[in-house]
N, C-alpha and C. Protein backbone atom coordinates (compact mmCIF):
# COMPACT_ATOMS: atom_id res chain seq x y z
N UNK A 1 66.21 124.55 114.37
CA UNK A 1 65.95 123.49 113.41
C UNK A 1 67.17 122.58 113.32
N UNK A 2 66.98 121.27 113.43
CA UNK A 2 68.07 120.29 113.40
C UNK A 2 68.26 119.82 111.95
N UNK A 3 69.50 119.91 111.50
CA UNK A 3 69.81 119.46 110.13
C UNK A 3 69.97 117.95 110.10
N UNK A 4 69.64 117.38 108.97
CA UNK A 4 69.87 115.96 108.76
C UNK A 4 71.36 115.78 108.44
N UNK A 5 72.08 115.12 109.35
CA UNK A 5 73.53 114.98 109.21
C UNK A 5 73.91 114.22 107.93
N UNK A 6 73.16 113.17 107.59
CA UNK A 6 73.47 112.39 106.40
C UNK A 6 73.36 113.24 105.14
N UNK A 7 72.32 114.07 105.03
CA UNK A 7 72.15 114.93 103.86
C UNK A 7 73.27 115.96 103.78
N UNK A 8 73.69 116.48 104.92
CA UNK A 8 74.78 117.46 104.94
C UNK A 8 76.06 116.84 104.43
N UNK A 9 76.38 115.62 104.89
CA UNK A 9 77.59 114.92 104.43
C UNK A 9 77.51 114.66 102.92
N UNK A 10 76.36 114.20 102.47
CA UNK A 10 76.20 113.95 101.03
C UNK A 10 76.41 115.23 100.24
N UNK A 11 75.82 116.32 100.69
CA UNK A 11 75.95 117.59 99.99
C UNK A 11 77.40 118.06 99.99
N UNK A 12 78.07 117.95 101.15
CA UNK A 12 79.45 118.42 101.27
C UNK A 12 80.40 117.67 100.34
N UNK A 13 80.18 116.38 100.14
CA UNK A 13 81.12 115.57 99.37
C UNK A 13 80.69 115.26 97.95
N UNK A 14 79.48 115.55 97.59
CA UNK A 14 79.01 115.18 96.26
C UNK A 14 79.80 115.89 95.16
N UNK A 15 80.13 117.17 95.35
CA UNK A 15 80.88 117.88 94.33
C UNK A 15 82.33 117.38 94.28
N UNK A 16 82.90 117.08 95.45
CA UNK A 16 84.25 116.50 95.49
C UNK A 16 84.27 115.18 94.74
N UNK A 17 83.20 114.40 94.89
CA UNK A 17 83.08 113.12 94.19
C UNK A 17 83.12 113.33 92.68
N UNK A 18 82.35 114.30 92.19
CA UNK A 18 82.35 114.57 90.75
C UNK A 18 83.73 115.06 90.28
N UNK A 19 84.36 115.92 91.04
CA UNK A 19 85.68 116.42 90.64
C UNK A 19 86.68 115.27 90.56
N UNK A 20 86.65 114.38 91.54
CA UNK A 20 87.55 113.22 91.53
C UNK A 20 87.29 112.37 90.29
N UNK A 21 86.02 112.11 90.01
CA UNK A 21 85.69 111.29 88.83
C UNK A 21 86.13 111.97 87.54
N UNK A 22 85.92 113.27 87.45
CA UNK A 22 86.27 113.99 86.22
C UNK A 22 87.79 114.07 86.03
N UNK A 23 88.56 114.08 87.12
CA UNK A 23 90.01 114.03 86.98
C UNK A 23 90.43 112.76 86.27
N UNK A 24 89.75 111.68 86.53
CA UNK A 24 90.12 110.37 85.97
C UNK A 24 89.36 110.06 84.68
N UNK A 25 88.07 110.37 84.65
CA UNK A 25 87.23 109.97 83.52
C UNK A 25 86.92 111.10 82.55
N UNK A 26 87.28 112.32 82.90
CA UNK A 26 87.02 113.46 82.03
C UNK A 26 85.54 113.79 81.99
N UNK A 27 85.08 114.27 80.83
CA UNK A 27 83.69 114.72 80.69
C UNK A 27 82.68 113.58 80.75
N UNK A 28 83.13 112.33 80.71
CA UNK A 28 82.20 111.20 80.88
C UNK A 28 81.56 111.23 82.27
N UNK A 29 82.20 111.92 83.20
CA UNK A 29 81.68 111.99 84.56
C UNK A 29 81.01 113.33 84.85
N UNK A 30 80.70 114.08 83.80
CA UNK A 30 80.05 115.37 83.97
C UNK A 30 78.67 115.18 84.60
N UNK A 31 78.35 115.99 85.59
CA UNK A 31 77.08 115.98 86.31
C UNK A 31 76.84 114.66 87.05
N UNK A 32 77.88 114.16 87.70
CA UNK A 32 77.75 112.93 88.49
C UNK A 32 77.72 113.20 89.99
N UNK A 33 77.71 114.46 90.39
CA UNK A 33 77.74 114.79 91.82
C UNK A 33 76.61 114.11 92.59
N UNK A 34 75.43 114.08 92.02
CA UNK A 34 74.29 113.49 92.73
C UNK A 34 74.43 111.98 92.90
N UNK A 35 75.30 111.35 92.15
CA UNK A 35 75.48 109.90 92.25
C UNK A 35 76.14 109.50 93.57
N UNK A 36 76.77 110.46 94.24
CA UNK A 36 77.42 110.17 95.52
C UNK A 36 76.42 109.62 96.54
N UNK A 37 75.19 110.04 96.45
CA UNK A 37 74.16 109.60 97.38
C UNK A 37 73.41 108.35 96.97
N UNK A 38 73.74 107.78 95.82
CA UNK A 38 73.06 106.57 95.32
C UNK A 38 74.10 105.46 95.18
N UNK A 39 74.00 104.45 96.02
CA UNK A 39 75.04 103.43 96.11
C UNK A 39 75.33 102.74 94.78
N UNK A 40 74.30 102.43 93.99
CA UNK A 40 74.55 101.72 92.73
C UNK A 40 75.31 102.60 91.74
N UNK A 41 74.93 103.87 91.63
CA UNK A 41 75.64 104.79 90.73
C UNK A 41 77.02 105.14 91.27
N UNK A 42 77.13 105.29 92.59
CA UNK A 42 78.43 105.52 93.22
C UNK A 42 79.39 104.39 92.86
N UNK A 43 78.93 103.16 93.03
CA UNK A 43 79.76 101.99 92.73
C UNK A 43 80.12 101.93 91.24
N UNK A 44 79.15 102.16 90.39
CA UNK A 44 79.38 102.08 88.94
C UNK A 44 80.48 103.05 88.51
N UNK A 45 80.37 104.30 88.90
CA UNK A 45 81.35 105.30 88.44
C UNK A 45 82.69 105.18 89.18
N UNK A 46 82.65 104.82 90.45
CA UNK A 46 83.89 104.64 91.19
C UNK A 46 84.67 103.46 90.62
N UNK A 47 83.97 102.38 90.27
CA UNK A 47 84.63 101.22 89.66
C UNK A 47 85.24 101.57 88.31
N UNK A 48 84.56 102.41 87.54
CA UNK A 48 85.13 102.86 86.26
C UNK A 48 86.42 103.63 86.49
N UNK A 49 86.43 104.48 87.51
CA UNK A 49 87.62 105.26 87.82
C UNK A 49 88.75 104.34 88.30
N UNK A 50 88.43 103.38 89.15
CA UNK A 50 89.46 102.44 89.64
C UNK A 50 90.04 101.64 88.48
N UNK A 51 89.19 101.20 87.57
CA UNK A 51 89.66 100.45 86.40
C UNK A 51 90.64 101.29 85.58
N UNK A 52 90.33 102.55 85.39
CA UNK A 52 91.21 103.46 84.64
C UNK A 52 92.53 103.67 85.38
N UNK A 53 92.46 103.80 86.70
CA UNK A 53 93.68 103.96 87.50
C UNK A 53 94.53 102.69 87.47
N UNK A 54 93.89 101.55 87.52
CA UNK A 54 94.60 100.27 87.40
C UNK A 54 95.37 100.20 86.09
N UNK A 55 94.71 100.59 85.02
CA UNK A 55 95.35 100.58 83.70
C UNK A 55 96.55 101.53 83.69
N UNK A 56 96.41 102.69 84.31
CA UNK A 56 97.50 103.67 84.35
C UNK A 56 98.69 103.14 85.14
N UNK A 57 98.43 102.51 86.28
CA UNK A 57 99.53 101.93 87.07
C UNK A 57 100.26 100.88 86.24
N UNK A 58 99.51 100.08 85.52
CA UNK A 58 100.12 99.03 84.71
C UNK A 58 100.99 99.61 83.59
N UNK A 59 100.68 100.80 83.11
CA UNK A 59 101.46 101.44 82.04
C UNK A 59 102.74 102.10 82.56
N UNK A 60 102.77 102.46 83.84
CA UNK A 60 103.90 103.20 84.38
C UNK A 60 105.15 102.33 84.53
N UNK A 61 106.29 102.95 84.33
CA UNK A 61 107.58 102.30 84.52
C UNK A 61 107.96 102.42 85.99
N UNK A 62 108.08 101.29 86.67
CA UNK A 62 108.44 101.31 88.09
C UNK A 62 108.98 99.95 88.50
N UNK A 63 109.49 99.88 89.69
CA UNK A 63 109.98 98.66 90.30
C UNK A 63 108.88 97.60 90.26
N UNK A 64 109.25 96.35 89.95
CA UNK A 64 108.25 95.28 89.82
C UNK A 64 107.47 95.05 91.11
N UNK A 65 108.15 95.07 92.25
CA UNK A 65 107.47 94.84 93.51
C UNK A 65 106.46 95.95 93.79
N UNK A 66 106.87 97.19 93.55
CA UNK A 66 105.97 98.31 93.77
C UNK A 66 104.75 98.20 92.85
N UNK A 67 104.99 97.86 91.60
CA UNK A 67 103.87 97.72 90.66
C UNK A 67 102.91 96.62 91.13
N UNK A 68 103.47 95.48 91.55
CA UNK A 68 102.62 94.39 92.05
C UNK A 68 101.81 94.82 93.26
N UNK A 69 102.43 95.54 94.20
CA UNK A 69 101.74 96.01 95.40
C UNK A 69 100.63 97.00 95.04
N UNK A 70 100.92 97.90 94.10
CA UNK A 70 99.91 98.89 93.69
C UNK A 70 98.75 98.22 92.97
N UNK A 71 99.05 97.32 92.04
CA UNK A 71 97.99 96.62 91.32
C UNK A 71 97.13 95.83 92.30
N UNK A 72 97.78 95.17 93.26
CA UNK A 72 97.06 94.43 94.28
C UNK A 72 96.18 95.36 95.11
N UNK A 73 96.71 96.53 95.46
CA UNK A 73 95.94 97.51 96.23
C UNK A 73 94.70 97.98 95.48
N UNK A 74 94.86 98.28 94.20
CA UNK A 74 93.70 98.72 93.40
C UNK A 74 92.69 97.58 93.23
N UNK A 75 93.17 96.35 93.09
CA UNK A 75 92.26 95.22 92.98
C UNK A 75 91.49 95.01 94.29
N UNK A 76 92.18 95.18 95.42
CA UNK A 76 91.49 95.09 96.72
C UNK A 76 90.44 96.19 96.85
N UNK A 77 90.80 97.40 96.44
CA UNK A 77 89.86 98.51 96.49
C UNK A 77 88.64 98.22 95.61
N UNK A 78 88.88 97.70 94.42
CA UNK A 78 87.80 97.35 93.50
C UNK A 78 86.87 96.32 94.14
N UNK A 79 87.43 95.32 94.78
CA UNK A 79 86.63 94.29 95.44
C UNK A 79 85.79 94.89 96.58
N UNK A 80 86.39 95.76 97.38
CA UNK A 80 85.67 96.38 98.49
C UNK A 80 84.55 97.28 98.00
N UNK A 81 84.76 97.97 96.88
CA UNK A 81 83.70 98.81 96.31
C UNK A 81 82.55 97.93 95.83
N UNK A 82 82.88 96.83 95.16
CA UNK A 82 81.83 95.91 94.66
C UNK A 82 80.99 95.36 95.82
N UNK A 83 81.64 95.07 96.95
CA UNK A 83 80.96 94.48 98.11
C UNK A 83 80.18 95.50 98.94
N UNK A 84 80.42 96.79 98.71
CA UNK A 84 79.79 97.84 99.50
C UNK A 84 78.26 97.83 99.34
N UNK A 85 77.58 97.90 100.46
CA UNK A 85 76.12 97.91 100.45
C UNK A 85 75.63 99.21 101.08
N UNK A 86 74.41 99.60 100.74
CA UNK A 86 73.79 100.82 101.27
C UNK A 86 73.82 100.80 102.80
N UNK A 87 74.28 101.89 103.39
CA UNK A 87 74.30 102.03 104.83
C UNK A 87 75.50 101.40 105.52
N UNK A 88 76.36 100.70 104.77
CA UNK A 88 77.55 100.09 105.38
C UNK A 88 78.62 101.14 105.67
N UNK A 89 79.44 100.83 106.63
CA UNK A 89 80.57 101.68 106.99
C UNK A 89 81.60 101.60 105.86
N UNK A 90 81.96 102.72 105.31
CA UNK A 90 82.87 102.74 104.17
C UNK A 90 84.32 103.00 104.57
N UNK A 91 84.65 102.86 105.87
CA UNK A 91 86.03 103.11 106.30
C UNK A 91 87.02 102.17 105.63
N UNK A 92 86.57 100.98 105.25
CA UNK A 92 87.47 100.03 104.59
C UNK A 92 87.98 100.62 103.25
N UNK A 93 87.14 101.41 102.57
CA UNK A 93 87.57 102.06 101.33
C UNK A 93 88.66 103.08 101.62
N UNK A 94 88.51 103.78 102.72
CA UNK A 94 89.52 104.75 103.13
C UNK A 94 90.85 104.05 103.41
N UNK A 95 90.81 102.93 104.12
CA UNK A 95 92.04 102.20 104.44
C UNK A 95 92.72 101.70 103.17
N UNK A 96 91.96 101.10 102.27
CA UNK A 96 92.54 100.61 101.00
C UNK A 96 93.15 101.76 100.20
N UNK A 97 92.46 102.90 100.17
CA UNK A 97 92.96 104.06 99.43
C UNK A 97 94.24 104.59 100.07
N UNK A 98 94.30 104.65 101.39
CA UNK A 98 95.51 105.12 102.07
C UNK A 98 96.69 104.17 101.83
N UNK A 99 96.42 102.88 101.73
CA UNK A 99 97.49 101.92 101.41
C UNK A 99 98.09 102.25 100.04
N UNK A 100 97.23 102.52 99.08
CA UNK A 100 97.68 102.85 97.73
C UNK A 100 98.47 104.16 97.75
N UNK A 101 97.94 105.17 98.39
CA UNK A 101 98.61 106.47 98.45
C UNK A 101 99.98 106.35 99.12
N UNK A 102 100.04 105.62 100.22
CA UNK A 102 101.33 105.49 100.93
C UNK A 102 102.37 104.81 100.03
N UNK A 103 101.97 103.81 99.26
CA UNK A 103 102.92 103.16 98.35
C UNK A 103 103.32 104.11 97.22
N UNK A 104 102.38 104.88 96.70
CA UNK A 104 102.71 105.84 95.65
C UNK A 104 103.71 106.89 96.13
N UNK A 105 103.70 107.18 97.41
CA UNK A 105 104.61 108.18 97.97
C UNK A 105 105.90 107.57 98.51
N UNK A 106 106.08 106.25 98.34
CA UNK A 106 107.35 105.61 98.68
C UNK A 106 107.41 104.84 99.97
N UNK A 107 106.34 104.81 100.76
CA UNK A 107 106.34 104.06 102.01
C UNK A 107 106.12 102.58 101.73
N UNK A 108 106.75 101.73 102.55
CA UNK A 108 106.63 100.29 102.33
C UNK A 108 107.13 99.55 103.57
N UNK A 109 106.89 98.28 103.64
CA UNK A 109 107.43 97.38 104.66
C UNK A 109 107.02 97.73 106.09
N UNK A 110 105.90 98.31 106.30
CA UNK A 110 105.34 98.64 107.62
C UNK A 110 106.37 99.11 108.64
N UNK A 111 107.33 99.91 108.21
CA UNK A 111 108.37 100.44 109.09
C UNK A 111 108.26 101.96 109.25
N UNK A 112 107.35 102.59 108.53
CA UNK A 112 107.22 104.03 108.61
C UNK A 112 108.35 104.77 107.92
N UNK A 113 109.05 104.06 107.05
CA UNK A 113 110.17 104.66 106.32
C UNK A 113 109.88 104.65 104.83
N UNK A 114 110.56 105.54 104.16
CA UNK A 114 110.41 105.64 102.70
C UNK A 114 111.46 104.76 102.04
N UNK A 115 111.01 103.85 101.20
CA UNK A 115 111.89 102.91 100.52
C UNK A 115 111.96 103.14 99.01
N UNK A 116 111.09 103.97 98.49
CA UNK A 116 111.08 104.28 97.06
C UNK A 116 111.03 105.79 96.91
N UNK A 117 111.57 106.28 95.82
CA UNK A 117 111.54 107.71 95.55
C UNK A 117 110.72 107.95 94.29
N UNK A 118 109.50 108.44 94.46
CA UNK A 118 108.69 108.72 93.27
C UNK A 118 109.20 109.96 92.56
N UNK A 119 109.09 109.95 91.24
CA UNK A 119 109.47 111.10 90.43
C UNK A 119 108.27 111.44 89.55
N UNK A 120 107.72 112.63 89.75
CA UNK A 120 106.57 113.06 88.98
C UNK A 120 106.97 114.27 88.15
N UNK A 121 106.73 114.22 86.87
CA UNK A 121 107.03 115.37 86.01
C UNK A 121 105.83 115.64 85.12
N UNK A 122 105.72 116.87 84.67
CA UNK A 122 104.65 117.23 83.74
C UNK A 122 105.10 116.82 82.34
N UNK A 123 104.22 116.19 81.60
CA UNK A 123 104.55 115.91 80.22
C UNK A 123 104.17 117.13 79.37
N UNK A 124 104.48 117.08 78.10
CA UNK A 124 104.22 118.21 77.22
C UNK A 124 102.74 118.59 77.22
N UNK A 125 101.86 117.60 77.21
CA UNK A 125 100.43 117.88 77.21
C UNK A 125 100.01 118.62 78.48
N UNK A 126 100.60 118.23 79.62
CA UNK A 126 100.30 118.91 80.87
C UNK A 126 100.78 120.35 80.88
N UNK A 127 101.96 120.58 80.34
CA UNK A 127 102.48 121.95 80.28
C UNK A 127 101.62 122.83 79.38
N UNK A 128 101.22 122.26 78.25
CA UNK A 128 100.37 123.02 77.32
C UNK A 128 99.01 123.29 77.96
N UNK A 129 98.43 122.28 78.61
CA UNK A 129 97.14 122.47 79.27
C UNK A 129 97.24 123.54 80.36
N UNK A 130 98.32 123.50 81.14
CA UNK A 130 98.52 124.53 82.17
C UNK A 130 98.53 125.91 81.53
N UNK A 131 99.23 126.01 80.44
CA UNK A 131 99.37 127.31 79.78
C UNK A 131 98.05 127.76 79.14
N UNK A 132 97.35 126.82 78.51
CA UNK A 132 96.09 127.16 77.85
C UNK A 132 95.08 127.66 78.88
N UNK A 133 95.00 126.99 80.03
CA UNK A 133 94.03 127.40 81.04
C UNK A 133 94.46 128.69 81.74
N UNK A 134 95.77 128.98 81.71
CA UNK A 134 96.26 130.23 82.33
C UNK A 134 96.16 131.40 81.36
N UNK A 135 96.12 131.14 80.06
CA UNK A 135 96.03 132.20 79.07
C UNK A 135 96.84 131.86 77.82
N UNK A 136 96.45 132.38 76.67
CA UNK A 136 97.11 132.03 75.41
C UNK A 136 98.47 132.72 75.23
N UNK A 137 99.36 132.03 74.52
CA UNK A 137 100.65 132.58 74.13
C UNK A 137 101.02 131.93 72.81
N UNK A 138 101.18 132.72 71.77
CA UNK A 138 101.42 132.20 70.42
C UNK A 138 102.68 131.36 70.32
N UNK A 139 103.71 131.73 71.05
CA UNK A 139 105.00 131.09 70.87
C UNK A 139 105.30 129.99 71.89
N UNK A 140 104.39 129.78 72.82
CA UNK A 140 104.65 128.83 73.89
C UNK A 140 104.93 127.43 73.36
N UNK A 141 104.08 126.94 72.49
CA UNK A 141 104.21 125.56 72.00
C UNK A 141 105.54 125.37 71.28
N UNK A 142 105.92 126.29 70.39
CA UNK A 142 107.19 126.17 69.67
C UNK A 142 108.39 126.24 70.61
N UNK A 143 108.34 127.15 71.56
CA UNK A 143 109.44 127.26 72.52
C UNK A 143 109.54 126.00 73.37
N UNK A 144 108.40 125.46 73.73
CA UNK A 144 108.40 124.24 74.53
C UNK A 144 109.00 123.08 73.75
N UNK A 145 108.69 122.97 72.48
CA UNK A 145 109.25 121.92 71.65
C UNK A 145 110.77 122.06 71.54
N UNK A 146 111.26 123.27 71.34
CA UNK A 146 112.70 123.51 71.26
C UNK A 146 113.38 123.13 72.57
N UNK A 147 112.81 123.56 73.66
CA UNK A 147 113.38 123.26 74.97
C UNK A 147 113.41 121.75 75.22
N UNK A 148 112.31 121.09 74.91
CA UNK A 148 112.23 119.65 75.13
C UNK A 148 113.26 118.91 74.29
N UNK A 149 113.43 119.30 73.03
CA UNK A 149 114.41 118.67 72.15
C UNK A 149 115.83 118.90 72.67
N UNK A 150 116.12 120.11 73.12
CA UNK A 150 117.43 120.45 73.65
C UNK A 150 117.74 119.64 74.91
N UNK A 151 116.79 119.54 75.82
CA UNK A 151 116.98 118.77 77.05
C UNK A 151 117.16 117.29 76.74
N UNK A 152 116.41 116.80 75.78
CA UNK A 152 116.51 115.40 75.38
C UNK A 152 117.90 115.11 74.82
N UNK A 153 118.40 115.99 73.95
CA UNK A 153 119.74 115.82 73.37
C UNK A 153 120.81 115.86 74.46
N UNK A 154 120.66 116.75 75.42
CA UNK A 154 121.62 116.84 76.53
C UNK A 154 121.61 115.55 77.35
N UNK A 155 120.44 115.03 77.59
CA UNK A 155 120.32 113.81 78.38
C UNK A 155 120.97 112.63 77.64
N UNK A 156 120.77 112.54 76.34
CA UNK A 156 121.41 111.48 75.54
C UNK A 156 122.93 111.60 75.66
N UNK A 157 123.44 112.81 75.57
CA UNK A 157 124.88 113.03 75.65
C UNK A 157 125.43 112.61 77.02
N UNK A 158 124.71 112.93 78.07
CA UNK A 158 125.13 112.54 79.42
C UNK A 158 125.19 111.01 79.53
N UNK A 159 124.16 110.34 79.03
CA UNK A 159 124.12 108.87 79.08
C UNK A 159 125.29 108.28 78.31
N UNK A 160 125.56 108.81 77.12
CA UNK A 160 126.69 108.30 76.32
C UNK A 160 128.02 108.54 77.02
N UNK A 161 128.20 109.71 77.64
CA UNK A 161 129.44 110.00 78.36
C UNK A 161 129.63 109.02 79.53
N UNK A 162 128.58 108.76 80.26
CA UNK A 162 128.68 107.82 81.37
C UNK A 162 128.98 106.41 80.88
N UNK A 163 128.38 106.04 79.77
CA UNK A 163 128.63 104.72 79.20
C UNK A 163 130.09 104.60 78.75
N UNK A 164 130.63 105.66 78.14
CA UNK A 164 132.02 105.66 77.71
C UNK A 164 132.98 105.55 78.90
N UNK A 165 132.56 106.03 80.05
CA UNK A 165 133.38 105.95 81.26
C UNK A 165 133.29 104.58 81.93
N UNK A 166 132.50 103.68 81.36
CA UNK A 166 132.42 102.32 81.87
C UNK A 166 131.24 102.01 82.77
N UNK A 167 130.34 102.96 82.93
CA UNK A 167 129.17 102.70 83.75
C UNK A 167 128.19 101.81 83.00
N UNK A 168 127.56 100.90 83.74
CA UNK A 168 126.56 100.00 83.17
C UNK A 168 125.18 100.67 83.26
N UNK A 169 124.24 100.13 82.50
CA UNK A 169 122.89 100.71 82.42
C UNK A 169 122.25 100.94 83.79
N UNK A 170 122.26 99.95 84.72
CA UNK A 170 121.63 100.20 86.02
C UNK A 170 122.31 101.34 86.80
N UNK A 171 123.62 101.45 86.66
CA UNK A 171 124.34 102.52 87.35
C UNK A 171 123.98 103.89 86.77
N UNK A 172 123.88 103.94 85.45
CA UNK A 172 123.50 105.19 84.79
C UNK A 172 122.09 105.59 85.22
N UNK A 173 121.20 104.61 85.27
CA UNK A 173 119.82 104.86 85.69
C UNK A 173 119.80 105.42 87.11
N UNK A 174 120.61 104.87 87.99
CA UNK A 174 120.66 105.34 89.37
C UNK A 174 121.18 106.78 89.43
N UNK A 175 122.24 107.06 88.69
CA UNK A 175 122.84 108.40 88.68
C UNK A 175 121.83 109.44 88.19
N UNK A 176 121.08 109.09 87.14
CA UNK A 176 120.13 110.03 86.54
C UNK A 176 118.75 109.96 87.19
N UNK A 177 118.61 109.10 88.21
CA UNK A 177 117.34 108.95 88.91
C UNK A 177 116.22 108.60 87.94
N UNK A 178 116.49 107.59 87.11
CA UNK A 178 115.51 107.12 86.14
C UNK A 178 115.54 105.59 86.14
N UNK A 179 114.94 104.98 85.15
CA UNK A 179 114.88 103.52 85.08
C UNK A 179 115.84 102.99 84.03
N UNK A 180 116.16 101.70 84.15
CA UNK A 180 116.99 101.04 83.14
C UNK A 180 116.34 101.19 81.76
N UNK A 181 115.04 101.01 81.74
CA UNK A 181 114.29 101.09 80.49
C UNK A 181 114.50 102.44 79.81
N UNK A 182 114.41 103.53 80.57
CA UNK A 182 114.59 104.87 80.00
C UNK A 182 116.00 105.06 79.47
N UNK A 183 117.00 104.54 80.19
CA UNK A 183 118.39 104.65 79.74
C UNK A 183 118.56 103.90 78.42
N UNK A 184 118.01 102.71 78.34
CA UNK A 184 118.10 101.93 77.10
C UNK A 184 117.41 102.64 75.95
N UNK A 185 116.27 103.30 76.23
CA UNK A 185 115.60 104.08 75.19
C UNK A 185 116.49 105.22 74.70
N UNK A 186 117.15 105.90 75.64
CA UNK A 186 118.03 107.01 75.26
C UNK A 186 119.21 106.52 74.43
N UNK A 187 119.68 105.31 74.70
CA UNK A 187 120.80 104.76 73.93
C UNK A 187 120.35 104.14 72.62
N UNK A 188 119.06 104.14 72.38
CA UNK A 188 118.53 103.61 71.12
C UNK A 188 118.47 102.09 71.09
N UNK A 189 118.52 101.45 72.26
CA UNK A 189 118.48 99.99 72.33
C UNK A 189 117.05 99.46 72.36
N UNK A 190 116.11 100.36 72.48
CA UNK A 190 114.68 99.95 72.53
C UNK A 190 113.93 100.74 71.47
């Protein structure tokens, strides 16, 4: 018996589609796996996810050129999704997505070299969620708050020491592998 290749592909990726949507949209994308096979619903939910990702990129603190390139990449992806028609080759979506991913990982200037260093950290909500899904601990939240406050105070002290030694905000940001904005926040200037 010969399997229908299109149905197999749809089945294989429909759950991945829902998981991707739920990562971005949460429970609003619950039970959307079947939408992978319907172009109008695929476009509707994928565009919602892209819009949310665009908003997130705009909120992030990063180099202006990188932010412009990423926003442009997501806008191009949004346009290509809107133009997608039933039965069309969707490789263009893959290319646009890979452009975004490569920039997020620091690649730029079509040289195959890394020009930016991304820094990803878990925020308090992520740490708590990790712990909650792994199992309960009564003291985790309080210990996490103490640790976070202690690390924050240490970071403020480091910034002040560097400033007293004559370092300027951009230099301090470079030393601490952070942004000027974050240094100014630590110094209470923002």
